[in-house]
N, C-alpha and C. Protein backbone atom coordinates (compact mmCIF):
# COMPACT_ATOMS: atom_id res chain seq x y z
N MET A 1 97.00 100.66 25.88
CA MET A 1 97.42 99.77 26.96
C MET A 1 97.36 98.34 26.48
N THR A 2 98.39 97.57 26.73
CA THR A 2 98.41 96.16 26.37
C THR A 2 97.78 95.35 27.48
N THR A 3 96.85 94.48 27.13
CA THR A 3 96.23 93.61 28.12
C THR A 3 97.21 92.53 28.51
N ILE A 4 97.50 92.41 29.80
CA ILE A 4 98.47 91.43 30.27
C ILE A 4 97.74 90.17 30.70
N ALA A 5 98.06 89.08 30.06
CA ALA A 5 97.40 87.82 30.38
C ALA A 5 97.99 87.24 31.66
N PRO A 6 97.18 86.55 32.46
CA PRO A 6 97.72 85.83 33.60
C PRO A 6 98.58 84.68 33.11
N PRO A 7 99.37 84.05 34.01
CA PRO A 7 100.24 82.96 33.56
C PRO A 7 99.49 81.86 32.82
N ASP A 8 98.29 81.55 33.23
CA ASP A 8 97.48 80.55 32.54
C ASP A 8 96.02 80.95 32.70
N VAL A 9 95.37 81.27 31.58
CA VAL A 9 94.01 81.81 31.64
C VAL A 9 93.03 80.77 32.16
N ILE A 10 93.15 79.53 31.73
CA ILE A 10 92.23 78.50 32.20
C ILE A 10 92.35 78.33 33.71
N ASP A 11 93.58 78.32 34.23
CA ASP A 11 93.76 78.25 35.68
C ASP A 11 93.12 79.45 36.36
N GLU A 12 93.27 80.62 35.74
CA GLU A 12 92.68 81.84 36.29
C GLU A 12 91.16 81.73 36.36
N LEU A 13 90.56 81.23 35.28
CA LEU A 13 89.10 81.10 35.23
C LEU A 13 88.58 80.12 36.27
N LEU A 14 89.35 79.09 36.55
CA LEU A 14 88.92 78.05 37.49
C LEU A 14 89.36 78.31 38.92
N GLY A 15 90.19 79.32 39.11
CA GLY A 15 90.72 79.57 40.45
C GLY A 15 91.63 78.45 40.92
N VAL A 16 92.40 77.90 39.99
CA VAL A 16 93.29 76.78 40.32
C VAL A 16 94.44 77.27 41.19
N THR A 17 94.72 76.53 42.24
CA THR A 17 95.85 76.84 43.11
C THR A 17 96.89 75.73 42.99
N PRO A 18 98.17 76.05 43.18
CA PRO A 18 99.22 75.04 43.07
C PRO A 18 98.97 73.87 44.02
N GLY A 19 99.07 72.66 43.49
CA GLY A 19 98.89 71.46 44.30
C GLY A 19 97.46 71.01 44.46
N SER A 20 96.50 71.79 43.93
CA SER A 20 95.10 71.37 44.03
C SER A 20 94.84 70.19 43.11
N ALA A 21 93.68 69.57 43.26
CA ALA A 21 93.36 68.40 42.45
C ALA A 21 93.33 68.74 40.96
N ILE A 22 92.76 69.91 40.61
CA ILE A 22 92.70 70.30 39.20
C ILE A 22 94.08 70.66 38.69
N ASP A 23 94.90 71.27 39.51
CA ASP A 23 96.28 71.57 39.11
C ASP A 23 97.02 70.27 38.80
N GLU A 24 96.86 69.28 39.63
CA GLU A 24 97.54 67.99 39.41
C GLU A 24 96.98 67.30 38.17
N LEU A 25 95.67 67.42 37.95
CA LEU A 25 95.06 66.82 36.77
C LEU A 25 95.59 67.47 35.49
N ARG A 26 95.66 68.78 35.48
CA ARG A 26 96.17 69.49 34.30
C ARG A 26 97.65 69.21 34.10
N ALA A 27 98.37 69.02 35.18
CA ALA A 27 99.81 68.76 35.09
C ALA A 27 100.11 67.43 34.40
N ARG A 28 99.13 66.53 34.34
CA ARG A 28 99.34 65.26 33.65
C ARG A 28 99.38 65.44 32.13
N ARG A 29 98.90 66.57 31.66
CA ARG A 29 98.90 66.87 30.23
C ARG A 29 99.61 68.21 30.00
N PRO A 30 100.92 68.26 30.29
CA PRO A 30 101.62 69.55 30.22
C PRO A 30 101.62 70.17 28.83
N VAL A 31 101.70 69.33 27.79
CA VAL A 31 101.72 69.88 26.43
C VAL A 31 100.37 70.51 26.10
N THR A 32 99.29 69.82 26.47
CA THR A 32 97.95 70.36 26.24
C THR A 32 97.76 71.67 26.99
N ARG A 33 98.23 71.69 28.22
CA ARG A 33 98.10 72.90 29.04
C ARG A 33 98.88 74.06 28.43
N ALA A 34 100.10 73.78 28.02
CA ALA A 34 100.93 74.83 27.43
C ALA A 34 100.36 75.31 26.09
N ASN A 35 99.87 74.38 25.29
CA ASN A 35 99.34 74.76 23.99
C ASN A 35 98.07 75.60 24.11
N ALA A 36 97.24 75.31 25.10
CA ALA A 36 96.03 76.10 25.32
C ALA A 36 96.40 77.54 25.64
N GLN A 37 97.40 77.73 26.49
CA GLN A 37 97.81 79.09 26.82
C GLN A 37 98.51 79.76 25.65
N ALA A 38 99.29 78.99 24.90
CA ALA A 38 99.97 79.56 23.72
C ALA A 38 98.94 80.02 22.69
N SER A 39 97.85 79.28 22.56
CA SER A 39 96.79 79.68 21.63
C SER A 39 96.15 80.99 22.09
N TYR A 40 95.89 81.09 23.39
CA TYR A 40 95.35 82.35 23.93
C TYR A 40 96.29 83.51 23.63
N ASP A 41 97.57 83.31 23.91
CA ASP A 41 98.55 84.38 23.71
C ASP A 41 98.59 84.81 22.23
N ALA A 42 98.56 83.83 21.33
CA ALA A 42 98.65 84.13 19.90
C ALA A 42 97.44 84.89 19.41
N LEU A 43 96.28 84.62 20.01
CA LEU A 43 95.04 85.25 19.54
C LEU A 43 94.73 86.57 20.23
N PHE A 44 95.12 86.70 21.49
CA PHE A 44 94.71 87.89 22.24
C PHE A 44 95.85 88.84 22.59
N THR A 45 97.06 88.35 22.63
CA THR A 45 98.21 89.24 22.89
C THR A 45 99.31 88.93 21.88
N PRO A 46 98.99 88.97 20.59
CA PRO A 46 99.98 88.60 19.58
C PRO A 46 101.09 89.64 19.46
N GLU A 47 102.26 89.16 19.12
CA GLU A 47 103.39 90.08 18.92
C GLU A 47 103.12 90.98 17.72
N HIS A 48 102.50 90.42 16.70
CA HIS A 48 102.15 91.18 15.50
C HIS A 48 100.65 91.05 15.26
N PRO A 49 99.83 91.95 15.82
CA PRO A 49 98.38 91.79 15.77
C PRO A 49 97.76 92.02 14.41
N GLY A 50 98.50 92.60 13.47
CA GLY A 50 97.91 92.86 12.17
C GLY A 50 96.83 93.92 12.26
N THR A 51 95.75 93.73 11.50
CA THR A 51 94.71 94.75 11.44
C THR A 51 93.47 94.41 12.28
N VAL A 52 93.55 93.36 13.08
CA VAL A 52 92.46 93.04 14.00
C VAL A 52 92.85 93.58 15.37
N SER A 53 92.14 94.60 15.83
CA SER A 53 92.52 95.28 17.06
C SER A 53 92.20 94.45 18.29
N ALA A 54 92.81 94.84 19.41
CA ALA A 54 92.50 94.18 20.68
C ALA A 54 91.03 94.36 21.04
N VAL A 55 90.49 95.54 20.77
CA VAL A 55 89.07 95.78 21.07
C VAL A 55 88.20 94.82 20.27
N GLU A 56 88.50 94.64 18.99
CA GLU A 56 87.71 93.71 18.17
C GLU A 56 87.84 92.29 18.68
N ARG A 57 89.04 91.88 19.01
CA ARG A 57 89.26 90.51 19.50
C ARG A 57 88.45 90.25 20.77
N PHE A 58 88.53 91.18 21.73
CA PHE A 58 87.82 90.96 22.99
C PHE A 58 86.32 91.17 22.86
N ALA A 59 85.89 92.01 21.91
CA ALA A 59 84.45 92.15 21.68
C ALA A 59 83.87 90.86 21.15
N VAL A 60 84.56 90.23 20.19
CA VAL A 60 84.10 88.94 19.68
C VAL A 60 84.11 87.89 20.79
N ALA A 61 85.16 87.89 21.60
CA ALA A 61 85.25 86.91 22.69
C ALA A 61 84.14 87.11 23.72
N ALA A 62 83.87 88.36 24.08
CA ALA A 62 82.79 88.63 25.03
C ALA A 62 81.45 88.18 24.46
N PHE A 63 81.25 88.42 23.17
CA PHE A 63 80.00 88.03 22.52
C PHE A 63 79.84 86.52 22.47
N VAL A 64 80.87 85.82 22.03
CA VAL A 64 80.78 84.35 21.89
C VAL A 64 80.59 83.69 23.25
N THR A 65 81.37 84.09 24.24
CA THR A 65 81.21 83.48 25.57
C THR A 65 79.88 83.87 26.19
N GLY A 66 79.39 85.06 25.84
CA GLY A 66 78.06 85.46 26.31
C GLY A 66 76.96 84.62 25.69
N LEU A 67 77.10 84.27 24.41
CA LEU A 67 76.11 83.39 23.77
C LEU A 67 76.03 82.05 24.48
N HIS A 68 77.18 81.58 24.96
CA HIS A 68 77.23 80.30 25.67
C HIS A 68 76.85 80.43 27.14
N ALA A 69 76.67 81.66 27.62
CA ALA A 69 76.36 81.90 29.04
C ALA A 69 77.33 81.13 29.92
N SER A 70 78.60 81.37 29.66
CA SER A 70 79.63 80.50 30.24
C SER A 70 80.27 81.01 31.52
N GLY A 71 79.49 81.69 32.33
CA GLY A 71 79.92 82.01 33.69
C GLY A 71 81.20 82.81 33.79
N ALA A 72 82.20 82.21 34.45
CA ALA A 72 83.45 82.91 34.70
C ALA A 72 84.15 83.29 33.40
N THR A 73 84.02 82.45 32.37
CA THR A 73 84.66 82.74 31.09
C THR A 73 84.03 83.98 30.46
N GLN A 74 82.71 84.06 30.51
CA GLN A 74 82.02 85.23 29.98
C GLN A 74 82.43 86.49 30.75
N GLN A 75 82.47 86.39 32.06
CA GLN A 75 82.84 87.55 32.87
C GLN A 75 84.27 88.00 32.57
N TYR A 76 85.17 87.03 32.39
CA TYR A 76 86.56 87.36 32.12
C TYR A 76 86.69 88.18 30.83
N TYR A 77 86.03 87.71 29.76
CA TYR A 77 86.18 88.41 28.49
C TYR A 77 85.41 89.74 28.48
N ALA A 78 84.33 89.82 29.22
CA ALA A 78 83.64 91.11 29.35
C ALA A 78 84.56 92.12 30.02
N GLU A 79 85.30 91.68 31.03
CA GLU A 79 86.23 92.57 31.71
C GLU A 79 87.39 92.96 30.80
N GLN A 80 87.88 91.99 30.02
CA GLN A 80 88.97 92.29 29.09
C GLN A 80 88.52 93.30 28.03
N LEU A 81 87.27 93.16 27.56
CA LEU A 81 86.74 94.12 26.60
C LEU A 81 86.65 95.51 27.23
N ALA A 82 86.15 95.58 28.45
CA ALA A 82 86.05 96.88 29.13
C ALA A 82 87.42 97.52 29.28
N ASN A 83 88.42 96.72 29.62
CA ASN A 83 89.78 97.25 29.77
C ASN A 83 90.32 97.75 28.43
N ALA A 84 90.12 96.96 27.38
CA ALA A 84 90.63 97.34 26.06
C ALA A 84 89.91 98.57 25.53
N ALA A 85 88.60 98.65 25.79
CA ALA A 85 87.81 99.76 25.25
C ALA A 85 88.07 101.08 25.96
N THR A 86 88.58 101.02 27.18
CA THR A 86 88.84 102.25 27.93
C THR A 86 90.33 102.58 28.01
N ALA A 87 91.15 101.79 27.31
CA ALA A 87 92.59 102.06 27.31
C ALA A 87 92.87 103.41 26.63
N PRO A 88 93.93 104.09 27.04
CA PRO A 88 94.24 105.40 26.44
C PRO A 88 94.38 105.37 24.92
N VAL A 89 94.84 104.24 24.38
CA VAL A 89 95.04 104.18 22.93
C VAL A 89 93.75 103.82 22.18
N ALA A 90 92.70 103.46 22.90
CA ALA A 90 91.44 103.08 22.25
C ALA A 90 90.73 104.32 21.72
N ALA A 91 90.04 104.16 20.61
CA ALA A 91 89.27 105.27 20.05
C ALA A 91 88.14 105.63 21.00
N GLU A 92 87.74 106.88 20.99
CA GLU A 92 86.67 107.35 21.87
C GLU A 92 85.40 106.54 21.66
N ALA A 93 85.11 106.19 20.40
CA ALA A 93 83.89 105.44 20.10
C ALA A 93 83.89 104.06 20.76
N ALA A 94 85.07 103.53 21.06
CA ALA A 94 85.16 102.19 21.64
C ALA A 94 84.60 102.14 23.06
N ARG A 95 84.52 103.26 23.72
CA ARG A 95 84.11 103.26 25.13
C ARG A 95 82.66 102.83 25.32
N ALA A 96 81.86 102.95 24.28
CA ALA A 96 80.46 102.52 24.37
C ALA A 96 80.27 101.06 24.00
N LEU A 97 81.35 100.42 23.56
CA LEU A 97 81.22 99.04 23.06
C LEU A 97 80.76 98.03 24.10
N PRO A 98 81.30 98.03 25.32
CA PRO A 98 80.88 96.99 26.26
C PRO A 98 79.38 96.92 26.46
N ARG A 99 78.72 98.07 26.59
CA ARG A 99 77.26 98.06 26.76
C ARG A 99 76.56 97.55 25.51
N ALA A 100 77.06 97.97 24.35
CA ALA A 100 76.45 97.53 23.09
C ALA A 100 76.60 96.03 22.90
N VAL A 101 77.77 95.49 23.20
CA VAL A 101 77.99 94.05 23.06
C VAL A 101 77.11 93.28 24.05
N ALA A 102 77.00 93.79 25.27
CA ALA A 102 76.13 93.13 26.26
C ALA A 102 74.69 93.09 25.78
N ALA A 103 74.22 94.18 25.17
CA ALA A 103 72.86 94.22 24.65
C ALA A 103 72.68 93.24 23.50
N GLU A 104 73.70 93.13 22.66
CA GLU A 104 73.62 92.19 21.55
C GLU A 104 73.62 90.74 22.03
N ILE A 105 74.33 90.45 23.08
CA ILE A 105 74.31 89.10 23.65
C ILE A 105 72.89 88.73 24.06
N THR A 106 72.24 89.64 24.75
CA THR A 106 70.86 89.39 25.19
C THR A 106 69.95 89.14 24.00
N ALA A 107 70.12 89.92 22.94
CA ALA A 107 69.27 89.78 21.76
C ALA A 107 69.59 88.53 20.95
N ALA A 108 70.82 88.06 21.04
CA ALA A 108 71.29 86.99 20.15
C ALA A 108 71.24 85.60 20.77
N ARG A 109 71.03 85.51 22.08
CA ARG A 109 71.04 84.18 22.71
C ARG A 109 69.89 83.33 22.18
N THR A 110 70.18 82.09 21.94
CA THR A 110 69.19 81.15 21.46
C THR A 110 69.71 79.75 21.74
N SER A 111 69.02 78.73 21.23
CA SER A 111 69.54 77.37 21.32
C SER A 111 69.88 76.94 19.91
N GLY A 112 70.35 75.76 19.76
CA GLY A 112 70.74 75.32 18.43
C GLY A 112 71.36 73.93 18.51
N PRO A 113 72.06 73.49 17.51
CA PRO A 113 72.33 74.24 16.28
C PRO A 113 71.13 74.25 15.34
N TYR A 114 71.15 75.25 14.46
CA TYR A 114 70.14 75.37 13.43
C TYR A 114 70.80 75.20 12.07
N GLY A 115 69.96 75.27 11.05
CA GLY A 115 70.49 75.30 9.70
C GLY A 115 69.94 74.21 8.83
N ALA A 116 70.27 74.30 7.55
CA ALA A 116 69.78 73.35 6.57
C ALA A 116 70.95 72.66 5.89
N TYR A 117 70.82 71.36 5.73
CA TYR A 117 71.79 70.59 4.97
C TYR A 117 71.45 70.65 3.49
N PRO A 118 72.41 70.37 2.61
CA PRO A 118 72.06 70.22 1.19
C PRO A 118 70.99 69.14 1.03
N ALA A 119 70.15 69.29 0.04
CA ALA A 119 69.06 68.34 -0.18
C ALA A 119 69.59 66.91 -0.20
N GLY A 120 68.98 66.05 0.61
CA GLY A 120 69.43 64.66 0.70
C GLY A 120 68.95 64.04 1.99
N PRO A 121 69.53 62.90 2.38
CA PRO A 121 69.07 62.18 3.58
C PRO A 121 69.14 63.01 4.86
N LEU A 122 70.14 63.91 4.96
CA LEU A 122 70.29 64.69 6.18
C LEU A 122 69.29 65.83 6.28
N SER A 123 68.53 66.08 5.22
CA SER A 123 67.56 67.17 5.25
C SER A 123 66.52 66.97 6.35
N ALA A 124 66.33 65.72 6.78
CA ALA A 124 65.37 65.44 7.86
C ALA A 124 65.80 66.12 9.16
N GLU A 125 67.09 66.49 9.26
CA GLU A 125 67.61 67.13 10.47
C GLU A 125 67.62 68.65 10.35
N ASP A 126 67.11 69.18 9.25
CA ASP A 126 67.06 70.64 9.10
C ASP A 126 66.24 71.25 10.23
N SER A 127 66.72 72.38 10.73
CA SER A 127 66.03 73.06 11.83
C SER A 127 66.20 74.56 11.67
N ASP A 128 65.10 75.28 11.65
CA ASP A 128 65.18 76.72 11.50
C ASP A 128 65.19 77.37 12.89
N GLY A 129 65.71 78.57 12.95
CA GLY A 129 65.76 79.28 14.22
C GLY A 129 66.16 80.72 13.98
N LEU A 130 66.63 81.37 15.03
CA LEU A 130 66.98 82.78 14.96
C LEU A 130 68.04 83.03 13.89
N ARG A 131 67.76 83.98 13.02
CA ARG A 131 68.76 84.46 12.05
C ARG A 131 69.19 85.84 12.53
N TYR A 132 70.25 85.85 13.27
CA TYR A 132 70.66 87.03 14.02
C TYR A 132 71.22 88.13 13.13
N ARG A 133 70.78 89.34 13.41
CA ARG A 133 71.37 90.54 12.84
C ARG A 133 71.51 91.58 13.95
N VAL A 134 72.58 92.32 13.91
CA VAL A 134 72.81 93.37 14.90
C VAL A 134 71.66 94.38 14.83
N ALA A 135 71.21 94.83 15.99
CA ALA A 135 70.11 95.79 16.05
C ALA A 135 70.52 97.10 15.37
N PRO A 136 69.63 97.68 14.57
CA PRO A 136 69.96 98.92 13.85
C PRO A 136 70.47 100.03 14.76
N GLU A 137 69.89 100.14 15.95
CA GLU A 137 70.29 101.23 16.85
C GLU A 137 71.68 101.05 17.43
N ARG A 138 72.27 99.86 17.27
CA ARG A 138 73.62 99.64 17.80
C ARG A 138 74.68 99.51 16.69
N ARG A 139 74.26 99.59 15.45
CA ARG A 139 75.23 99.46 14.36
C ARG A 139 76.23 100.60 14.34
N ASP A 140 75.78 101.80 14.65
CA ASP A 140 76.71 102.93 14.67
C ASP A 140 77.75 102.78 15.76
N VAL A 141 77.35 102.22 16.92
CA VAL A 141 78.28 102.03 18.02
C VAL A 141 79.29 100.95 17.67
N LEU A 142 78.81 99.84 17.13
CA LEU A 142 79.69 98.72 16.83
C LEU A 142 80.56 98.99 15.60
N GLY A 143 80.01 99.70 14.64
CA GLY A 143 80.73 99.91 13.39
C GLY A 143 80.48 98.76 12.43
N VAL A 144 80.76 99.00 11.17
CA VAL A 144 80.47 98.01 10.13
C VAL A 144 81.28 96.73 10.34
N ARG A 145 82.57 96.87 10.64
CA ARG A 145 83.43 95.68 10.79
C ARG A 145 82.96 94.79 11.93
N LEU A 146 82.77 95.38 13.10
CA LEU A 146 82.43 94.57 14.27
C LEU A 146 81.03 94.00 14.16
N ALA A 147 80.09 94.75 13.61
CA ALA A 147 78.74 94.23 13.42
C ALA A 147 78.78 92.99 12.54
N ALA A 148 79.54 93.04 11.45
CA ALA A 148 79.67 91.87 10.57
C ALA A 148 80.34 90.71 11.30
N ALA A 149 81.33 91.02 12.13
CA ALA A 149 82.03 89.96 12.87
C ALA A 149 81.10 89.25 13.85
N LEU A 150 80.26 90.01 14.56
CA LEU A 150 79.34 89.39 15.51
C LEU A 150 78.31 88.53 14.78
N GLU A 151 77.82 89.00 13.66
CA GLU A 151 76.86 88.21 12.90
C GLU A 151 77.51 86.92 12.39
N HIS A 152 78.76 87.01 11.96
CA HIS A 152 79.45 85.81 11.49
C HIS A 152 79.74 84.85 12.64
N ALA A 153 80.13 85.39 13.78
CA ALA A 153 80.38 84.54 14.95
C ALA A 153 79.12 83.80 15.36
N HIS A 154 77.99 84.48 15.32
CA HIS A 154 76.71 83.84 15.64
C HIS A 154 76.41 82.72 14.65
N LEU A 155 76.71 82.94 13.39
CA LEU A 155 76.54 81.91 12.37
C LEU A 155 77.38 80.68 12.70
N LEU A 156 78.65 80.90 13.08
CA LEU A 156 79.53 79.78 13.37
C LEU A 156 79.09 79.01 14.62
N VAL A 157 78.53 79.73 15.59
CA VAL A 157 78.09 79.07 16.83
C VAL A 157 76.80 78.29 16.63
N PHE A 158 75.82 78.91 15.95
CA PHE A 158 74.49 78.32 15.89
C PHE A 158 74.09 77.76 14.53
N ARG A 159 74.77 78.19 13.46
CA ARG A 159 74.41 77.72 12.12
C ARG A 159 75.67 77.32 11.33
N PRO A 160 76.54 76.51 11.92
CA PRO A 160 77.80 76.21 11.23
C PRO A 160 77.60 75.52 9.88
N ARG A 161 76.50 74.76 9.74
CA ARG A 161 76.29 74.08 8.46
C ARG A 161 75.91 75.05 7.34
N GLU A 162 75.62 76.30 7.69
CA GLU A 162 75.26 77.29 6.68
C GLU A 162 76.42 78.26 6.37
N ALA A 163 77.60 77.99 6.92
CA ALA A 163 78.77 78.78 6.54
C ALA A 163 78.98 78.62 5.04
N SER A 164 79.22 79.72 4.35
CA SER A 164 79.22 79.69 2.89
C SER A 164 80.11 80.79 2.34
N PRO A 165 80.41 80.72 1.02
CA PRO A 165 81.14 81.83 0.40
C PRO A 165 80.43 83.17 0.57
N ALA A 166 79.11 83.16 0.56
CA ALA A 166 78.37 84.41 0.72
C ALA A 166 78.61 84.99 2.12
N ALA A 167 78.70 84.13 3.12
CA ALA A 167 78.96 84.61 4.49
C ALA A 167 80.35 85.23 4.58
N LEU A 168 81.32 84.62 3.92
CA LEU A 168 82.67 85.18 3.91
C LEU A 168 82.71 86.49 3.13
N GLN A 169 81.94 86.57 2.07
CA GLN A 169 81.90 87.79 1.28
C GLN A 169 81.35 88.95 2.09
N ALA A 170 80.39 88.65 2.96
CA ALA A 170 79.83 89.70 3.82
C ALA A 170 80.92 90.31 4.71
N LEU A 171 81.84 89.48 5.18
CA LEU A 171 82.96 89.99 5.97
C LEU A 171 83.91 90.82 5.12
N LEU A 172 84.21 90.33 3.93
CA LEU A 172 85.08 91.08 3.03
C LEU A 172 84.47 92.44 2.72
N ASP A 173 83.16 92.45 2.47
CA ASP A 173 82.48 93.71 2.16
C ASP A 173 82.51 94.68 3.34
N ALA A 174 82.62 94.14 4.55
CA ALA A 174 82.65 94.98 5.76
C ALA A 174 84.06 95.44 6.11
N GLY A 175 85.04 95.04 5.32
CA GLY A 175 86.41 95.50 5.56
C GLY A 175 87.34 94.50 6.19
N TRP A 176 86.89 93.25 6.34
CA TRP A 176 87.76 92.21 6.87
C TRP A 176 88.57 91.61 5.73
N SER A 177 89.89 91.58 5.89
CA SER A 177 90.74 90.96 4.88
C SER A 177 90.69 89.44 5.04
N THR A 178 91.26 88.74 4.09
CA THR A 178 91.30 87.28 4.18
C THR A 178 92.01 86.82 5.45
N SER A 179 93.14 87.45 5.78
CA SER A 179 93.86 87.06 7.00
C SER A 179 93.08 87.44 8.25
N ASP A 180 92.35 88.56 8.20
CA ASP A 180 91.47 88.93 9.32
C ASP A 180 90.41 87.86 9.55
N ILE A 181 89.84 87.35 8.47
CA ILE A 181 88.77 86.34 8.58
C ILE A 181 89.33 85.06 9.19
N VAL A 182 90.55 84.71 8.83
CA VAL A 182 91.18 83.54 9.45
C VAL A 182 91.31 83.75 10.95
N THR A 183 91.75 84.94 11.35
CA THR A 183 91.88 85.25 12.78
C THR A 183 90.53 85.17 13.47
N LEU A 184 89.50 85.71 12.86
CA LEU A 184 88.15 85.67 13.43
C LEU A 184 87.69 84.23 13.62
N SER A 185 87.88 83.40 12.61
CA SER A 185 87.48 81.99 12.71
C SER A 185 88.26 81.27 13.79
N GLN A 186 89.55 81.57 13.91
CA GLN A 186 90.37 80.95 14.95
C GLN A 186 89.90 81.38 16.33
N LEU A 187 89.52 82.64 16.47
CA LEU A 187 89.00 83.12 17.75
C LEU A 187 87.77 82.33 18.18
N VAL A 188 86.81 82.19 17.28
CA VAL A 188 85.57 81.48 17.62
C VAL A 188 85.87 80.02 17.95
N ALA A 189 86.74 79.38 17.17
CA ALA A 189 87.08 77.98 17.43
C ALA A 189 87.78 77.82 18.78
N PHE A 190 88.73 78.71 19.07
CA PHE A 190 89.44 78.63 20.34
C PHE A 190 88.51 78.84 21.52
N LEU A 191 87.63 79.82 21.42
CA LEU A 191 86.71 80.10 22.52
C LEU A 191 85.79 78.93 22.78
N THR A 192 85.32 78.27 21.73
CA THR A 192 84.48 77.08 21.91
C THR A 192 85.25 76.01 22.65
N PHE A 193 86.52 75.81 22.28
CA PHE A 193 87.37 74.84 22.97
C PHE A 193 87.57 75.23 24.43
N GLN A 194 87.90 76.50 24.67
CA GLN A 194 88.18 76.95 26.03
C GLN A 194 86.96 76.82 26.93
N ILE A 195 85.80 77.19 26.41
CA ILE A 195 84.56 77.07 27.18
C ILE A 195 84.33 75.63 27.61
N ARG A 196 84.54 74.70 26.70
CA ARG A 196 84.30 73.28 27.02
C ARG A 196 85.30 72.75 28.02
N VAL A 197 86.56 73.15 27.87
CA VAL A 197 87.58 72.72 28.83
C VAL A 197 87.24 73.21 30.23
N VAL A 198 86.92 74.50 30.33
CA VAL A 198 86.60 75.07 31.64
C VAL A 198 85.37 74.39 32.24
N ALA A 199 84.34 74.17 31.42
CA ALA A 199 83.13 73.52 31.93
C ALA A 199 83.42 72.10 32.41
N GLY A 200 84.24 71.37 31.65
CA GLY A 200 84.59 70.00 32.04
C GLY A 200 85.38 69.95 33.33
N LEU A 201 86.36 70.85 33.46
CA LEU A 201 87.17 70.88 34.68
C LEU A 201 86.36 71.36 35.87
N GLU A 202 85.39 72.26 35.64
CA GLU A 202 84.53 72.68 36.74
C GLU A 202 83.73 71.48 37.28
N LEU A 203 83.26 70.64 36.38
CA LEU A 203 82.53 69.45 36.82
C LEU A 203 83.43 68.52 37.63
N LEU A 204 84.66 68.35 37.17
CA LEU A 204 85.59 67.47 37.86
C LEU A 204 85.99 68.01 39.24
N SER A 205 85.98 69.34 39.34
CA SER A 205 86.38 69.94 40.63
C SER A 205 85.26 69.93 41.64
């Protein structure tokens, strides 16, 4: 089953109605509004999805928005994951994913950012914290690819200064191709943007 996106996901998340104050505010930046939705479409309902499945895309999205505890955005992607995981074309193993991802969110939430800078003046800002790994009892449910993706997403959210060739190699070793890794990085970057936009507009509303 193909997940059908609403006309504008950000409007959906905010409950924007035509003519409302937020609708008028967003209408002042039509290119920004259109590009945000185009980015969503390209990442979550692409014409040519390649080897990153819809289940993987929405699992990463549910995890990242869950780490941010981002309210309606988190709920939206959790629902999209549930829909993708129970679709007729989804593998039987995918049906257990929503619960496993929810459990991983609980285990992975922390504050941040953490990480260490290269030795030098910025080392004074080094801060250690949770070094997240998927729980052993959920690795079989998530699978090698998705477990590696969640660990990498956590790194990008909480330890971006520690992104490294070794971190990318871990994804390659788990079966992510170079183009898959680009898609994964774009997903995390887009979700961070979307979360901030929604939070900002919620404050304005």
